[in-house]
Amino acid sequence: MAVNYASKYSDKIDERFTLGSLTQGAVNQDYDWLGVETVNVYSIPTVAMNDYTASGTNRYGDPSELENEVQELKVTQDRAFTFTIDKKSRDDTQMTMEAGKALQRQIDEVIIPEVDTYRLAAICAGAGSTETGTVDATNAYEAFLTVQADLDESKAPRAGGCATAPPASTSTSSWTIPSPRWATWPPASPSTARWARSTELLSLGKD
């Protein structure tokens, strides 16, 4: 006589590991693009110093009108994703296909890595100079100091900087070291991509 053993499905999801954002600390959060496509940012220059004269009408030198410059930061990415979850599929899989958790999974596993990849590419493209070569355990620290020297020469603030390296950087690895703005002062444009629309695209089937 045969014995039929029982089996069941767990309601606990076997989630994959995620790293979170690797670049959040490398970009500023000074501007937002909510409701607009372009943000214009002013830069105000300085003026030259003069020798003070104790007499006459121009004691501080000839005055000049203070000027300004405008940098245009425009959204260049407009990415999206979509999927549906039928109500029966959600209900009859022990609620494991819950929309909120599915959205978080999409953000953690797909959106954040794509944003990181875009940011790193944009930071390297906008760097003042780049050096490409082989970095291993014997010269990694020297390469880092070379980049730091470029940052110091460009008067980048010494506090709040960060460095990004591939996991294999302790062994022989070929990677690009951008400078001088790759760490402390990356251009604002890496954060101009728009990934927020994904929250509008989840739907549940009805009875």
C-alpha atoms as a PDB file:
ATOM      1  CA  MET A   1       0.000   0.000   0.000  1.00  0.00           C
ATOM      2  CA  ALA A   2       1.522   3.343  -1.077  1.00  0.00           C
ATOM      3  CA  VAL A   3       2.002   6.230   1.350  1.00  0.00           C
ATOM      4  CA  ASN A   4       1.366   9.737  -0.042  1.00  0.00           C
ATOM      5  CA  TYR A   5       3.354  12.272   1.930  1.00  0.00           C
ATOM      6  CA  ALA A   6       2.109  15.841   2.323  1.00  0.00           C
ATOM      7  CA  SER A   7       3.871  18.887   0.997  1.00  0.00           C
ATOM      8  CA  LYS A   8       3.237  22.602   1.286  1.00  0.00           C
ATOM      9  CA  TYR A   9       4.377  25.992   0.001  1.00  0.00           C
ATOM     10  CA  SER A  10       6.047  28.425   2.380  1.00  0.00           C
ATOM     11  CA  ASP A  11       4.777  31.994   2.584  1.00  0.00           C
ATOM     12  CA  LYS A  12       8.336  33.209   3.210  1.00  0.00           C
ATOM     13  CA  ILE A  13      10.051  34.568   0.107  1.00  0.00           C
ATOM     14  CA  ASP A  14      13.620  33.480  -0.630  1.00  0.00           C
ATOM     15  CA  GLU A  15      14.893  36.984  -1.358  1.00  0.00           C
ATOM     16  CA  ARG A  16      18.133  37.654  -3.225  1.00  0.00           C
ATOM     17  CA  PHE A  17      20.925  39.715  -1.676  1.00  0.00           C
ATOM     18  CA  THR A  18      21.054  43.393  -2.606  1.00  0.00           C
ATOM     19  CA  LEU A  19      23.741  45.995  -1.964  1.00  0.00           C
ATOM     20  CA  GLY A  20      21.699  49.169  -1.890  1.00  0.00           C
ATOM     21  CA  SER A  21      23.005  52.297  -3.557  1.00  0.00           C
ATOM     22  CA  LEU A  22      26.783  52.540  -3.936  1.00  0.00           C
ATOM     23  CA  THR A  23      26.718  56.106  -5.253  1.00  0.00           C
ATOM     24  CA  GLN A  24      24.219  57.968  -3.070  1.00  0.00           C
ATOM     25  CA  GLY A  25      27.009  59.552  -1.075  1.00  0.00           C
ATOM     26  CA  ALA A  26      28.831  60.691  -4.221  1.00  0.00           C
ATOM     27  CA  VAL A  27      26.123  63.038  -5.527  1.00  0.00           C
ATOM     28  CA  ASN A  28      24.623  66.112  -3.955  1.00  0.00           C
ATOM     29  CA  GLN A  29      20.940  66.503  -3.141  1.00  0.00           C
ATOM     30  CA  ASP A  30      20.815  70.273  -3.629  1.00  0.00           C
ATOM     31  CA  TYR A  31      18.349  70.340  -6.526  1.00  0.00           C
ATOM     32  CA  ASP A  32      15.175  68.533  -7.482  1.00  0.00           C
ATOM     33  CA  TRP A  33      13.364  68.078 -10.795  1.00  0.00           C
ATOM     34  CA  LEU A  34       9.844  67.525  -9.463  1.00  0.00           C
ATOM     35  CA  GLY A  35       7.435  68.999 -12.008  1.00  0.00           C
ATOM     36  CA  VAL A  36      10.146  70.321 -14.335  1.00  0.00           C
ATOM     37  CA  GLU A  37      12.509  69.019 -17.013  1.00  0.00           C
ATOM     38  CA  THR A  38      15.290  71.567 -16.539  1.00  0.00           C
ATOM     39  CA  VAL A  39      16.834  73.315 -13.543  1.00  0.00           C
ATOM     40  CA  ASN A  40      19.014  76.380 -14.194  1.00  0.00           C
ATOM     41  CA  VAL A  41      21.734  76.959 -11.607  1.00  0.00           C
ATOM     42  CA  TYR A  42      23.554  80.257 -11.124  1.00  0.00           C
ATOM     43  CA  SER A  43      27.286  80.535 -10.529  1.00  0.00           C
ATOM     44  CA  ILE A  44      28.645  83.858  -9.258  1.00  0.00           C
ATOM     45  CA  PRO A  45      32.287  84.712 -10.047  1.00  0.00           C
ATOM     46  CA  THR A  46      34.624  86.862  -7.961  1.00  0.00           C
ATOM     47  CA  VAL A  47      36.614  89.985  -8.834  1.00  0.00           C
ATOM     48  CA  ALA A  48      40.319  90.781  -8.709  1.00  0.00           C
ATOM     49  CA  MET A  49      41.920  92.470  -5.706  1.00  0.00           C
ATOM     50  CA  ASN A  50      43.236  96.044  -5.991  1.00  0.00           C
ATOM     51  CA  ASP A  51      45.740  98.153  -4.080  1.00  0.00           C
ATOM     52  CA  TYR A  52      43.954 100.593  -1.794  1.00  0.00           C
ATOM     53  CA  THR A  53      44.726 104.279  -2.362  1.00  0.00           C
ATOM     54  CA  ALA A  54      44.260 106.675   0.532  1.00  0.00           C
ATOM     55  CA  SER A  55      43.224 109.579  -1.704  1.00  0.00           C
ATOM     56  CA  GLY A  56      41.305 110.227  -4.893  1.00  0.00           C
ATOM     57  CA  THR A  57      37.880 109.166  -6.123  1.00  0.00           C
ATOM     58  CA  ASN A  58      38.669 105.489  -6.860  1.00  0.00           C
ATOM     59  CA  ARG A  59      40.294 104.490  -3.582  1.00  0.00           C
ATOM     60  CA  TYR A  60      39.293 100.827  -4.008  1.00  0.00           C
ATOM     61  CA  GLY A  61      40.034 100.624  -7.726  1.00  0.00           C
ATOM     62  CA  ASP A  62      37.761 100.893 -10.748  1.00  0.00           C
ATOM     63  CA  PRO A  63      34.401  99.236  -9.911  1.00  0.00           C
ATOM     64  CA  SER A  64      33.045  96.575 -12.226  1.00  0.00           C
ATOM     65  CA  GLU A  65      29.573  95.073 -12.356  1.00  0.00           C
ATOM     66  CA  LEU A  66      29.391  91.637 -10.744  1.00  0.00           C
ATOM     67  CA  GLU A  67      28.389  89.079 -13.377  1.00  0.00           C
ATOM     68  CA  ASN A  68      26.896  85.615 -13.219  1.00  0.00           C
ATOM     69  CA  GLU A  69      26.851  82.384 -15.174  1.00  0.00           C
ATOM     70  CA  VAL A  70      24.066  79.841 -15.688  1.00  0.00           C
ATOM     71  CA  GLN A  71      24.428  76.057 -15.867  1.00  0.00           C
ATOM     72  CA  GLU A  72      21.497  74.184 -17.419  1.00  0.00           C
ATOM     73  CA  LEU A  73      20.770  70.809 -15.835  1.00  0.00           C
ATOM     74  CA  LYS A  74      18.292  68.878 -17.957  1.00  0.00           C
ATOM     75  CA  VAL A  75      16.723  65.479 -17.388  1.00  0.00           C
ATOM     76  CA  THR A  76      18.238  63.074 -19.914  1.00  0.00           C
ATOM     77  CA  GLN A  77      16.770  59.784 -18.676  1.00  0.00           C
ATOM     78  CA  ASP A  78      13.079  58.855 -18.580  1.00  0.00           C
ATOM     79  CA  ARG A  79      13.001  55.179 -17.667  1.00  0.00           C
ATOM     80  CA  ALA A  80      10.054  52.960 -16.742  1.00  0.00           C
ATOM     81  CA  PHE A  81       8.953  49.411 -15.975  1.00  0.00           C
ATOM     82  CA  THR A  82       5.611  47.668 -15.836  1.00  0.00           C
ATOM     83  CA  PHE A  83       4.079  44.419 -14.643  1.00  0.00           C
ATOM     84  CA  THR A  84       0.658  43.260 -13.520  1.00  0.00           C
ATOM     85  CA  ILE A  85      -0.414  41.079 -10.614  1.00  0.00           C
ATOM     86  CA  ASP A  86      -3.779  39.443 -11.055  1.00  0.00           C
ATOM     87  CA  LYS A  87      -5.841  39.323  -7.858  1.00  0.00           C
ATOM     88  CA  LYS A  88      -6.166  35.535  -8.150  1.00  0.00           C
ATOM     89  CA  SER A  89      -2.422  35.205  -8.539  1.00  0.00           C
ATOM     90  CA  ARG A  90      -1.892  37.268  -5.421  1.00  0.00           C
ATOM     91  CA  ASP A  91      -4.557  35.560  -3.313  1.00  0.00           C
ATOM     92  CA  ASP A  92      -3.786  31.996  -4.373  1.00  0.00           C
ATOM     93  CA  THR A  93      -0.046  32.182  -3.759  1.00  0.00           C
ATOM     94  CA  GLN A  94      -0.434  32.916  -0.040  1.00  0.00           C
ATOM     95  CA  MET A  95      -0.120  36.652  -0.734  1.00  0.00           C
ATOM     96  CA  THR A  96       3.547  36.206  -1.655  1.00  0.00           C
ATOM     97  CA  MET A  97       3.060  38.265  -4.825  1.00  0.00           C
ATOM     98  CA  GLU A  98       2.159  41.369  -2.843  1.00  0.00           C
ATOM     99  CA  ALA A  99       2.445  44.546  -4.914  1.00  0.00           C
ATOM    100  CA  GLY A 100       4.332  46.610  -2.347  1.00  0.00           C
ATOM    101  CA  LYS A 101       7.040  44.012  -1.845  1.00  0.00           C
ATOM    102  CA  ALA A 102       7.252  43.408  -5.595  1.00  0.00           C
ATOM    103  CA  LEU A 103       7.834  47.136  -6.109  1.00  0.00           C
ATOM    104  CA  GLN A 104      10.536  47.228  -3.431  1.00  0.00           C
ATOM    105  CA  ARG A 105      12.198  44.203  -5.042  1.00  0.00           C
ATOM    106  CA  GLN A 106      12.198  45.995  -8.410  1.00  0.00           C
ATOM    107  CA  ILE A 107      13.746  49.074  -6.827  1.00  0.00           C
ATOM    108  CA  ASP A 108      16.430  47.132  -4.936  1.00  0.00           C
ATOM    109  CA  GLU A 109      17.423  44.714  -7.693  1.00  0.00           C
ATOM    110  CA  VAL A 110      16.887  46.696 -10.908  1.00  0.00           C
ATOM    111  CA  ILE A 111      16.424  50.445 -10.425  1.00  0.00           C
ATOM    112  CA  ILE A 112      19.148  51.159  -7.868  1.00  0.00           C
ATOM    113  CA  PRO A 113      21.860  49.239  -9.798  1.00  0.00           C
ATOM    114  CA  GLU A 114      20.844  51.031 -13.015  1.00  0.00           C
ATOM    115  CA  VAL A 115      21.029  54.409 -11.266  1.00  0.00           C
ATOM    116  CA  ASP A 116      24.467  53.514  -9.876  1.00  0.00           C
ATOM    117  CA  THR A 117      25.720  52.511 -13.333  1.00  0.00           C
ATOM    118  CA  TYR A 118      24.419  55.736 -14.865  1.00  0.00           C
ATOM    119  CA  ARG A 119      25.852  57.915 -12.123  1.00  0.00           C
ATOM    120  CA  LEU A 120      29.327  56.378 -12.320  1.00  0.00           C
ATOM    121  CA  ALA A 121      29.376  56.771 -16.101  1.00  0.00           C
ATOM    122  CA  ALA A 122      28.223  60.396 -15.838  1.00  0.00           C
ATOM    123  CA  ILE A 123      30.752  61.199 -13.123  1.00  0.00           C
ATOM    124  CA  CYS A 124      33.606  59.745 -15.193  1.00  0.00           C
ATOM    125  CA  ALA A 125      32.406  61.548 -18.322  1.00  0.00           C
ATOM    126  CA  GLY A 126      32.295  64.862 -16.465  1.00  0.00           C
ATOM    127  CA  ALA A 127      35.581  64.475 -14.619  1.00  0.00           C
ATOM    128  CA  GLY A 128      38.271  67.053 -15.179  1.00  0.00           C
ATOM    129  CA  SER A 129      40.811  64.355 -16.042  1.00  0.00           C
ATOM    130  CA  THR A 130      40.969  60.571 -16.065  1.00  0.00           C
ATOM    131  CA  GLU A 131      43.722  57.991 -15.818  1.00  0.00           C
ATOM    132  CA  THR A 132      43.234  54.419 -17.013  1.00  0.00           C
ATOM    133  CA  GLY A 133      45.574  51.687 -15.900  1.00  0.00           C
ATOM    134  CA  THR A 134      46.059  48.499 -13.945  1.00  0.00           C
ATOM    135  CA  VAL A 135      45.543  48.825 -10.198  1.00  0.00           C
ATOM    136  CA  ASP A 136      46.452  45.996  -7.831  1.00  0.00           C
ATOM    137  CA  ALA A 137      47.336  45.492  -4.191  1.00  0.00           C
ATOM    138  CA  THR A 138      50.822  46.913  -4.735  1.00  0.00           C
ATOM    139  CA  ASN A 139      49.793  50.295  -6.163  1.00  0.00           C
ATOM    140  CA  ALA A 140      46.172  50.887  -5.100  1.00  0.00           C
ATOM    141  CA  TYR A 141      47.101  53.298  -2.313  1.00  0.00           C
ATOM    142  CA  GLU A 142      49.489  55.240  -4.571  1.00  0.00           C
ATOM    143  CA  ALA A 143      46.743  55.533  -7.214  1.00  0.00           C
ATOM    144  CA  PHE A 144      44.333  56.813  -4.580  1.00  0.00           C
ATOM    145  CA  LEU A 145      46.839  59.455  -3.442  1.00  0.00           C
ATOM    146  CA  THR A 146      47.286  60.575  -7.062  1.00  0.00           C
ATOM    147  CA  VAL A 147      43.549  61.169  -7.346  1.00  0.00           C
ATOM    148  CA  GLN A 148      43.496  62.943  -3.989  1.00  0.00           C
ATOM    149  CA  ALA A 149      46.280  65.245  -5.177  1.00  0.00           C
ATOM    150  CA  ASP A 150      44.156  66.240  -8.179  1.00  0.00           C
ATOM    151  CA  LEU A 151      41.224  66.944  -5.874  1.00  0.00           C
ATOM    152  CA  ASP A 152      43.424  69.108  -3.639  1.00  0.00           C
ATOM    153  CA  GLU A 153      44.764  71.035  -6.633  1.00  0.00           C
ATOM    154  CA  SER A 154      41.164  71.701  -7.698  1.00  0.00           C
ATOM    155  CA  LYS A 155      40.331  72.969  -4.173  1.00  0.00           C
ATOM    156  CA  ALA A 156      37.735  70.264  -3.590  1.00  0.00           C
ATOM    157  CA  PRO A 157      36.671  70.146   0.075  1.00  0.00           C
ATOM    158  CA  ARG A 158      38.574  67.522   2.020  1.00  0.00           C
ATOM    159  CA  ALA A 159      35.586  66.534   4.138  1.00  0.00           C
ATOM    160  CA  GLY A 160      32.791  64.344   2.820  1.00  0.00           C
ATOM    161  CA  GLY A 161      34.649  62.717  -0.071  1.00  0.00           C
ATOM    162  CA  CYS A 162      34.154  59.119  -1.126  1.00  0.00           C
ATOM    163  CA  ALA A 163      35.923  56.682  -3.421  1.00  0.00           C
ATOM    164  CA  THR A 164      34.432  53.856  -5.483  1.00  0.00           C
ATOM    165  CA  ALA A 165      36.447  50.795  -6.472  1.00  0.00           C
ATOM    166  CA  PRO A 166      35.517  47.443  -8.036  1.00  0.00           C
ATOM    167  CA  PRO A 167      35.356  44.420  -5.704  1.00  0.00           C
ATOM    168  CA  ALA A 168      38.464  42.940  -7.339  1.00  0.00           C
ATOM    169  CA  SER A 169      40.583  46.038  -6.690  1.00  0.00           C
ATOM    170  CA  THR A 170      42.689  44.195  -4.122  1.00  0.00           C
ATOM    171  CA  SER A 171      43.914  41.945  -6.921  1.00  0.00           C
ATOM    172  CA  THR A 172      44.986  42.838 -10.442  1.00  0.00           C
ATOM    173  CA  SER A 173      42.182  44.834 -12.016  1.00  0.00           C
ATOM    174  CA  SER A 174      41.863  47.397 -14.775  1.00  0.00           C
ATOM    175  CA  TRP A 175      39.720  50.383 -13.889  1.00  0.00           C
ATOM    176  CA  THR A 176      39.450  54.101 -14.558  1.00  0.00           C
ATOM    177  CA  ILE A 177      40.282  56.723 -11.942  1.00  0.00           C
ATOM    178  CA  PRO A 178      38.465  59.969 -12.772  1.00  0.00           C
ATOM    179  CA  SER A 179      39.498  63.265 -11.255  1.00  0.00           C
ATOM    180  CA  PRO A 180      39.177  65.914 -10.022  1.00  0.00           C
ATOM    181  CA  ARG A 181      35.415  65.881  -9.402  1.00  0.00           C
ATOM    182  CA  TRP A 182      34.629  62.202  -9.110  1.00  0.00           C
ATOM    183  CA  ALA A 183      34.425  62.032  -5.342  1.00  0.00           C
ATOM    184  CA  THR A 184      33.513  65.144  -3.412  1.00  0.00           C
ATOM    185  CA  TRP A 185      32.094  67.389  -6.103  1.00  0.00           C
ATOM    186  CA  PRO A 186      30.537  65.360  -8.949  1.00  0.00           C
ATOM    187  CA  PRO A 187      28.361  67.376 -11.322  1.00  0.00           C
ATOM    188  CA  ALA A 188      24.711  67.565 -10.333  1.00  0.00           C
ATOM    189  CA  SER A 189      23.626  65.921 -13.580  1.00  0.00           C
ATOM    190  CA  PRO A 190      24.023  62.295 -12.375  1.00  0.00           C
ATOM    191  CA  SER A 191      20.978  62.838 -10.188  1.00  0.00           C
ATOM    192  CA  THR A 192      18.832  64.322 -12.946  1.00  0.00           C
ATOM    193  CA  ALA A 193      17.451  61.012 -14.175  1.00  0.00           C
ATOM    194  CA  ARG A 194      13.807  60.356 -13.539  1.00  0.00           C
ATOM    195  CA  TRP A 195      12.926  56.871 -12.226  1.00  0.00           C
ATOM    196  CA  ALA A 196       9.868  57.820 -10.168  1.00  0.00           C
ATOM    197  CA  ARG A 197       7.215  56.772 -12.669  1.00  0.00           C
ATOM    198  CA  SER A 198       7.525  53.103 -11.799  1.00  0.00           C
ATOM    199  CA  THR A 199       5.170  53.477  -8.828  1.00  0.00           C
ATOM    200  CA  GLU A 200       2.310  54.303 -11.204  1.00  0.00           C
ATOM    201  CA  LEU A 201       2.542  51.082 -13.168  1.00  0.00           C
ATOM    202  CA  LEU A 202       1.527  48.392 -10.683  1.00  0.00           C
ATOM    203  CA  SER A 203      -2.012  47.079 -10.947  1.00  0.00           C
ATOM    204  CA  LEU A 204      -4.145  44.348  -9.411  1.00  0.00           C
ATOM    205  CA  GLY A 205      -6.850  42.402 -11.206  1.00  0.00           C
ATOM    206  CA  LYS A 206     -10.388  42.669  -9.901  1.00  0.00           C
ATOM    207  CA  ASP A 207     -12.901  39.965  -9.108  1.00  0.00           C
END
